[in-house]
Protein backbone atom coordinates (compact mmCIF):
# COMPACT_ATOMS: atom_id res chain seq x y z
CA MET A 1 31.60 40.61 24.08
CA THR A 2 31.33 37.96 26.76
CA PHE A 3 28.77 35.16 26.33
CA PRO A 4 27.25 33.37 29.32
CA PRO A 5 28.33 29.69 29.69
CA PHE A 6 24.95 28.24 28.74
CA LEU A 7 24.93 30.23 25.47
CA LEU A 8 28.47 29.13 24.63
CA SER A 9 27.40 25.52 25.18
CA LEU A 10 24.39 25.96 22.92
CA ILE A 11 26.51 27.49 20.15
CA LEU A 12 29.06 24.68 20.44
CA CYS A 13 26.39 21.94 20.33
CA THR A 14 24.72 23.52 17.30
CA SER A 15 28.06 23.80 15.50
CA LEU A 16 28.96 20.18 16.22
CA ALA A 17 25.50 18.96 15.12
CA ALA A 18 25.90 20.74 11.80
CA GLN A 19 29.20 18.92 11.20
CA MET A 20 28.06 15.44 12.24
CA ASP A 21 28.14 12.71 9.64
CA PRO A 22 24.85 10.96 8.82
CA TYR A 23 24.25 8.04 11.14
CA VAL A 24 23.42 4.54 10.02
CA THR A 25 19.91 3.31 10.81
CA ASP A 26 19.73 0.06 8.82
CA VAL A 27 22.18 -2.31 7.14
CA ILE A 28 21.13 -5.48 5.34
CA SER A 29 23.11 -7.76 3.04
CA THR A 30 22.57 -10.79 0.88
CA GLU A 31 25.27 -13.30 -0.08
CA GLY A 32 26.05 -14.69 -3.50
CA ASP A 33 28.88 -14.60 -6.04
CA THR A 34 28.83 -10.92 -5.17
CA THR A 35 27.62 -9.74 -1.78
CA VAL A 36 25.15 -6.86 -1.95
CA ARG A 37 24.76 -4.55 1.01
CA VAL A 38 22.16 -1.79 1.45
CA ILE A 39 23.02 0.94 3.95
CA ILE A 40 20.41 3.48 5.08
CA THR A 41 21.60 6.62 6.82
CA ARG A 42 19.66 9.47 8.36
CA ASN A 43 20.79 13.06 8.77
CA GLY A 44 19.50 16.59 9.11
CA TRP A 45 18.88 19.13 11.82
CA GLU A 46 15.41 20.68 11.65
CA ARG A 47 14.28 18.38 8.85
CA ILE A 48 15.54 14.80 9.01
CA SER A 49 15.77 12.70 5.85
CA SER A 50 17.29 9.43 4.68
CA ARG A 51 19.79 8.35 2.08
CA ALA A 52 20.49 4.83 0.87
CA THR A 53 23.64 3.34 -0.60
CA VAL A 54 23.92 0.02 -2.43
CA GLU A 55 27.35 -1.56 -2.17
CA TRP A 56 28.79 -4.58 -4.03
CA LEU A 57 31.50 -6.60 -2.33
CA VAL A 58 33.67 -9.58 -3.32
CA THR A 59 35.76 -11.89 -1.17
CA ASP A 60 39.52 -11.83 -1.55
CA HIS A 61 40.58 -15.49 -1.72
CA GLU A 62 44.31 -14.96 -1.39
CA GLY A 63 46.18 -15.95 1.74
CA ASP A 64 44.89 -17.56 4.93
CA LEU A 65 41.26 -18.69 4.60
CA GLU A 66 40.52 -17.44 8.10
CA ARG A 67 41.71 -13.96 7.16
CA GLN A 68 39.76 -13.56 3.95
CA ALA A 69 37.96 -10.24 3.87
CA LYS A 70 35.30 -8.70 1.69
CA ARG A 71 36.37 -5.88 -0.57
CA SER A 72 34.02 -3.23 -1.91
CA ILE A 73 34.17 -2.98 -5.69
CA THR A 74 31.66 -0.15 -6.11
CA SER A 75 28.78 1.65 -4.40
CA VAL A 76 25.87 3.74 -5.70
CA GLN A 77 23.49 6.21 -4.07
CA VAL A 78 19.79 5.39 -4.52
CA PRO A 79 18.38 8.24 -6.68
CA CYS A 80 14.84 8.21 -5.26
CA LEU A 81 16.12 9.30 -1.84
CA GLU A 82 18.59 11.97 -2.94
CA ALA A 83 16.03 14.82 -2.88
CA GLY A 84 15.88 14.63 0.91
CA TRP A 85 12.08 14.49 1.32
CA LEU A 86 11.77 10.94 2.64
CA ILE A 87 12.59 8.97 5.77
CA ALA A 88 13.31 5.34 4.87
CA SER A 89 13.10 2.36 7.21
CA LYS A 90 12.49 -1.41 7.49
CA PRO A 91 14.45 -2.58 4.42
CA PHE A 92 14.26 -6.19 3.24
CA PHE A 93 15.34 -8.07 0.14
CA ASP A 94 12.82 -9.40 -2.35
CA ILE A 95 14.08 -11.87 -4.97
CA ARG A 96 11.67 -12.88 -7.74
CA ASN A 97 12.23 -14.30 -11.21
CA GLY A 98 15.96 -14.09 -10.67
CA ARG A 99 15.82 -10.33 -10.02
CA ARG A 100 17.02 -8.91 -6.72
CA SER A 101 15.53 -5.82 -5.15
CA CYS A 102 15.27 -4.10 -1.78
CA ILE A 103 11.95 -2.83 -0.44
CA VAL A 104 11.92 0.11 1.97
CA GLU A 105 9.08 1.91 3.75
CA CYS A 106 9.07 5.68 3.32
CA THR A 107 7.42 8.60 5.08
CA HIS A 108 7.41 12.18 3.83
CA THR A 109 9.21 14.53 6.18
CA SER A 110 7.34 17.83 5.85
CA LEU A 111 3.65 16.98 6.21
CA LEU A 112 1.45 16.75 9.29
CA HIS A 113 -0.36 13.70 7.86
CA PRO A 114 2.31 12.23 5.56
CA PRO A 115 1.41 9.56 3.00
CA HIS A 116 3.12 6.25 3.68
CA GLU A 117 4.56 4.47 0.69
CA ARG A 118 7.15 1.89 -0.24
CA LEU A 119 9.99 2.01 -2.72
CA ARG A 120 11.43 -0.86 -4.69
CA ILE A 121 15.18 -0.51 -5.27
CA GLU A 122 16.06 -2.73 -8.25
CA ILE A 123 19.62 -4.04 -7.92
CA GLY A 124 21.40 -5.21 -11.06
CA ARG A 125 25.03 -5.80 -11.85
CA ALA A 126 27.66 -3.90 -9.91
CA GLY A 127 26.89 -0.19 -10.16
CA GLU A 128 23.34 -0.65 -11.58
CA VAL A 129 20.46 0.66 -9.45
CA THR A 130 16.99 1.91 -10.31
CA CYS A 131 14.03 2.63 -8.06
CA GLU A 132 10.29 3.14 -8.28
CA GLY A 133 7.31 3.55 -5.98
CA LEU A 134 5.28 0.41 -5.25
CA ASN A 135 1.56 0.34 -5.94
CA ASP A 136 0.36 -1.20 -2.67
CA THR A 137 -3.32 -0.29 -3.08
CA ALA A 138 -4.45 -3.86 -3.82
CA LEU A 139 -2.49 -5.18 -0.85
CA ILE A 140 -3.93 -2.51 1.47
CA ALA A 141 -7.44 -3.33 0.23
CA ALA A 142 -6.89 -7.02 1.00
CA HIS A 143 -5.61 -6.16 4.49
CA CYS A 144 -8.81 -4.19 5.16
CA PHE A 145 -10.94 -7.08 3.90
CA MET A 146 -9.24 -9.46 6.33
CA LYS A 147 -9.77 -7.22 9.37
CA PRO A 148 -12.68 -8.28 11.62
CA PHE A 149 -15.61 -5.89 11.57
CA ARG A 150 -15.49 -3.42 14.43
CA LEU A 151 -17.85 -0.53 14.89
CA PRO A 152 -15.61 2.55 15.02
CA ASP A 153 -15.64 5.20 17.70
CA PRO A 154 -16.78 8.68 16.66
CA MET A 155 -13.74 10.66 15.52
CA ARG A 156 -12.88 14.23 14.52
CA ASP A 157 -9.56 15.31 13.06
CA THR A 158 -8.07 17.98 10.81
CA ILE A 159 -5.88 17.35 7.80
CA GLY A 160 -4.30 19.12 4.85
CA ASN A 161 -2.19 22.24 4.48
CA ASP A 162 -3.10 24.74 7.24
CA VAL A 163 -5.40 21.99 8.63
CA ARG A 164 -7.96 23.01 6.06
CA TYR A 165 -10.16 19.91 6.09
CA VAL A 166 -12.18 18.50 8.98
CA VAL A 167 -12.56 14.72 8.85
CA GLU A 168 -15.29 13.16 10.99
CA SER A 169 -16.38 9.57 11.53
CA HIS A 170 -20.00 9.14 12.64
CA VAL A 171 -21.78 6.24 14.31
CA ASP A 172 -25.53 5.86 14.77
CA GLY A 173 -26.59 3.01 17.05
CA THR A 174 -29.83 2.55 15.12
CA VAL A 175 -27.92 1.66 11.94
CA ALA A 176 -24.89 0.00 13.49
CA GLU A 177 -23.91 -1.69 10.25
CA SER A 178 -23.53 1.62 8.44
CA PRO A 179 -21.13 4.10 10.04
CA TRP A 180 -20.34 7.01 7.75
CA MET A 181 -17.76 9.74 7.40
CA THR A 182 -17.67 13.33 6.19
CA VAL A 183 -14.96 15.71 5.06
CA ARG A 184 -15.67 19.45 5.36
CA ASP A 185 -13.70 22.30 3.76
CA THR A 186 -13.16 25.16 6.22
CA GLU A 187 -12.17 27.49 3.35
CA ARG A 188 -15.60 27.00 1.78
CA LYS A 189 -17.79 27.69 4.81
CA ASN A 190 -17.49 24.11 6.05
CA ALA A 191 -19.12 22.71 2.91
CA ASP A 192 -19.15 18.91 2.60
CA VAL A 193 -16.68 17.71 -0.04
CA LEU A 194 -17.19 14.05 0.84
CA LYS A 195 -19.98 12.18 2.62
CA VAL A 196 -19.93 8.39 2.29
CA PHE A 197 -20.76 5.25 4.20
CA GLY A 198 -17.78 3.35 5.51
CA ILE A 199 -15.21 2.84 8.25
CA LEU A 200 -12.32 5.26 8.10
CA ASP A 201 -8.89 3.86 8.89
CA THR A 202 -6.86 6.76 10.28
CA CYS A 203 -3.63 5.39 8.84
CA THR A 204 -5.02 5.93 5.35
CA GLU A 205 -5.57 9.66 5.68
CA SER A 206 -2.77 11.54 3.98
CA ALA A 207 -1.93 14.99 2.63
CA SER A 208 0.25 15.89 -0.35
CA PHE A 209 2.55 18.79 -1.19
CA ASP A 210 0.08 20.12 -3.78
CA GLY A 211 -2.56 20.69 -1.10
CA SER A 212 -4.64 17.63 -1.99
CA ILE A 213 -5.63 14.94 0.50
CA SER A 214 -6.43 11.24 0.16
CA ILE A 215 -9.01 9.33 2.19
CA ALA A 216 -9.40 5.55 2.19
CA LEU A 217 -12.18 3.59 3.85
CA PHE A 218 -13.89 0.21 3.94
CA ALA A 219 -17.64 0.31 3.31
CA TYR A 220 -19.99 -2.51 4.30
CA GLU A 221 -23.31 -2.86 2.50
CA CYS A 222 -26.02 -2.34 5.11
CA CYS A 223 -29.09 -4.41 5.92
CA ALA A 224 -27.48 -7.85 5.46
CA GLY A 225 -26.11 -6.99 2.01
CA THR A 226 -23.81 -9.21 -0.02
CA LYS A 227 -20.98 -6.78 -0.81
CA SER A 228 -18.31 -4.59 0.75
CA TYR A 229 -15.87 -2.16 -0.83
CA TYR A 230 -12.44 -0.69 -0.27
CA GLU A 231 -12.59 2.86 -1.63
CA CYS A 232 -9.96 5.57 -1.99
CA TYR A 233 -10.93 9.21 -2.62
CA ARG A 234 -8.82 12.21 -3.58
CA ILE A 235 -9.73 15.82 -2.85
CA ASP A 236 -7.79 18.31 -4.98
CA ARG A 237 -7.11 21.76 -3.58
CA GLU A 238 -9.53 23.63 -5.89
CA ALA A 239 -12.17 20.88 -6.00
CA THR A 240 -15.58 21.21 -4.41
CA GLN A 241 -16.15 17.44 -4.37
CA ALA A 242 -13.95 14.41 -3.85
CA HIS A 243 -13.44 11.99 -6.70
CA LEU A 244 -13.13 8.22 -6.42
CA VAL A 245 -9.76 6.92 -7.64
CA TRP A 246 -9.82 3.27 -6.52
CA ARG A 247 -12.57 0.82 -5.69
CA THR A 248 -12.36 -2.91 -4.93
CA LEU A 249 -15.41 -5.12 -4.54
CA PHE A 250 -15.37 -7.97 -1.99
CA MET A 251 -18.38 -10.29 -2.07
CA TYR A 252 -19.96 -11.83 1.01
CA GLY A 253 -18.76 -15.43 1.28
CA LEU A 254 -15.44 -14.72 -0.42
CA GLU A 255 -12.83 -17.07 1.04
CA GLN A 256 -10.21 -15.18 3.04
CA PRO A 257 -6.51 -15.93 2.50
CA ARG A 258 -4.61 -17.26 5.50
CA ALA A 259 -1.82 -14.73 4.96
CA LEU A 260 -0.96 -12.05 2.43
CA LEU A 261 2.22 -11.63 0.43
CA VAL A 262 4.66 -9.03 1.69
CA VAL A 263 4.77 -7.55 -1.83
CA ALA A 264 1.97 -8.01 -4.36
CA ASP A 265 2.86 -9.60 -7.71
CA SER A 266 1.57 -7.75 -10.76
CA ILE A 267 0.47 -9.89 -13.70
CA THR A 268 -0.80 -9.20 -17.19
CA THR A 269 -4.23 -10.78 -17.65
CA THR A 270 -5.47 -13.02 -20.46
CA SER A 271 -8.94 -13.72 -21.81
CA SER A 272 -9.02 -17.16 -20.16
CA MET A 273 -8.58 -15.90 -16.59
CA ARG A 274 -11.58 -16.27 -14.25
CA LEU A 275 -12.13 -15.28 -10.63
CA PHE A 276 -14.16 -17.42 -8.21
CA LEU A 277 -15.36 -16.95 -4.64
CA ASN A 278 -13.25 -19.82 -3.32
CA THR A 279 -10.81 -22.50 -4.43
CA ASP A 280 -13.65 -25.10 -4.57
CA ARG A 281 -15.61 -22.93 -7.06
CA ASN A 282 -18.68 -23.16 -4.82
CA VAL A 283 -21.39 -20.49 -4.85
CA PRO A 284 -23.47 -19.48 -1.78
CA ASP A 285 -27.05 -20.72 -1.79
CA ALA A 286 -30.07 -18.72 -2.87
CA ALA A 287 -30.63 -17.40 0.67
CA ASP A 288 -27.39 -15.41 0.43
CA TYR A 289 -27.27 -14.33 -3.23
CA ASP A 290 -29.88 -13.32 -5.78
CA ASP A 291 -30.11 -15.17 -9.10
CA ARG A 292 -27.94 -12.68 -11.05
CA GLU A 293 -25.17 -12.78 -8.44
CA ARG A 294 -25.20 -16.57 -8.33
CA GLU A 295 -25.03 -16.81 -12.12
CA VAL A 296 -22.07 -14.43 -12.31
CA TRP A 297 -19.99 -16.33 -9.75
CA LYS A 298 -21.05 -19.79 -10.92
CA HIS A 299 -19.07 -19.38 -14.14
CA GLY A 300 -16.42 -17.05 -12.74
CA ILE A 301 -15.77 -13.39 -13.50
CA ALA A 302 -13.55 -12.73 -16.52
CA LEU A 303 -10.78 -10.13 -16.28
CA VAL A 304 -10.13 -7.51 -18.94
CA PRO A 305 -7.43 -9.00 -21.22
CA LYS A 306 -3.99 -7.34 -21.25
CA SER A 307 -4.74 -5.33 -18.11
CA THR A 308 -2.76 -5.39 -14.86
CA ALA A 309 -3.98 -7.47 -11.93
CA TRP A 310 -2.38 -8.07 -8.55
CA ILE A 311 -1.73 -11.37 -6.78
CA VAL A 312 -1.86 -10.64 -3.04
CA ALA A 313 -1.93 -14.22 -1.65
CA THR A 314 -1.49 -17.82 -2.78
CA LYS A 315 -2.81 -21.19 -1.61
CA GLU A 316 -1.81 -24.78 -2.36
CA THR A 317 -4.74 -27.20 -2.78
CA ASP A 318 -5.21 -30.77 -4.00
CA ASP A 319 -6.34 -29.19 -7.27
CA GLY A 320 -3.20 -27.07 -7.68
CA THR A 321 -2.02 -23.56 -6.86
CA TRP A 322 -4.56 -20.78 -6.48
CA ALA A 323 -3.98 -17.03 -6.16
CA PHE A 324 -6.07 -14.37 -4.47
CA VAL A 325 -6.28 -11.75 -7.21
CA ILE A 326 -7.56 -8.18 -7.51
CA GLY A 327 -8.18 -7.03 -11.07
CA ARG A 328 -10.48 -5.24 -13.51
CA PRO A 329 -13.51 -7.34 -14.55
CA VAL A 330 -15.11 -7.52 -17.97
CA LEU A 331 -18.21 -5.38 -17.48
CA THR A 332 -21.12 -7.49 -18.60
CA PRO A 333 -24.52 -6.09 -17.49
CA ASP A 334 -24.66 -8.54 -14.56
CA VAL A 335 -21.12 -7.72 -13.44
CA ARG A 336 -21.78 -3.99 -13.68
CA ALA A 337 -24.84 -4.47 -11.47
CA LEU A 338 -22.62 -5.96 -8.75
CA PHE A 339 -20.88 -2.63 -8.24
CA LYS A 340 -23.98 -0.58 -7.40
CA SER A 341 -23.89 0.69 -3.81
CA ASP A 342 -24.91 3.62 -1.65
CA ASN A 343 -21.58 5.34 -2.30
CA SER A 344 -21.19 4.94 -6.05
CA LYS A 345 -22.19 2.99 -9.14
CA MET A 346 -18.69 3.35 -10.56
CA PRO A 347 -17.10 0.00 -11.46
CA GLY A 348 -13.62 -0.75 -10.23
CA THR A 349 -11.61 -3.84 -9.40
CA VAL A 350 -12.90 -7.09 -7.95
CA ALA A 351 -11.29 -9.65 -5.66
CA GLY A 352 -11.47 -13.41 -6.17
CA TRP A 353 -9.56 -16.68 -6.43
CA MET A 354 -7.91 -17.77 -9.67
CA LYS A 355 -6.15 -21.03 -10.45
CA VAL A 356 -2.56 -20.34 -11.51
CA GLY A 357 -0.92 -23.79 -11.51
CA ASN A 358 -1.70 -27.50 -11.61
CA ARG A 359 -0.76 -29.95 -8.90
CA HIS A 360 2.60 -31.64 -9.48
CA LYS A 361 2.27 -35.42 -9.40
């Protein structure tokens, strides 16, 4: 059988592509007694994915100093990327408390609206590597809080397996402070599974392999209210209604950080920790807050002891070091009342400033 030239070329190219080695997309290294290098490669044909290798190198000190070379003593594949479902990019080193790690951004390869997440690759002694997903929810919430308010354009999109869900963002000029969004299920006669006030950020829509979807939004309290919320909802495949999985309260008048950390620091809370609206511990006047709100913030909001909170920014003042913290508050009746809104009365986390260190004299 004789094949035409174009078909022979196609067969040859396909054969060569199948034999190609993975190509390197990122290489970063950090020096020390032992040099650590992280190499990210990408391969695949119809479905591209990433692998990562951590390599430890030492310098051979024998001979001419100008000819000293680094020698690899061992290398390890990063286990979280071995399944081949992720594309990794933008690696950087993060060194805290004497521990060295590499942070990489990851995108799932087989979804129309893939969730974006980050992995922390913990790097120990030569040959020791572990990895885990980062919980960036607090950091994302803080990013939304720092964005200037902008009335969104009306939007309609589909999401989920077989584009099952219709996501719409609505704007009514008569209530400009209160845009809202809906999610409809086309498999259930376009029934609403979510209808809430808030501004949808398209980058926070995502679908999962189990058929569920996640929706995140920032909701402003209408009519010159004193609160806003970052809220994240999950819609499971068999569910008829979305359920709220994360909620962060941001009060009007809360001091904004100048910049956020690249990676949030998790801390374990104590009974003495208190959150305030600003590093001066000032409370807005009576024209902005009602009496219960003023009383709550005057003394600071206590965090639930032995729970996890997240430091997302820090600030040096004449009084010492302060941290912008998101954590779970102790639910006194007045604190619980703060969380009531049009979307939900469910408590969640709260953002505020906490003193974490005294000024060094």
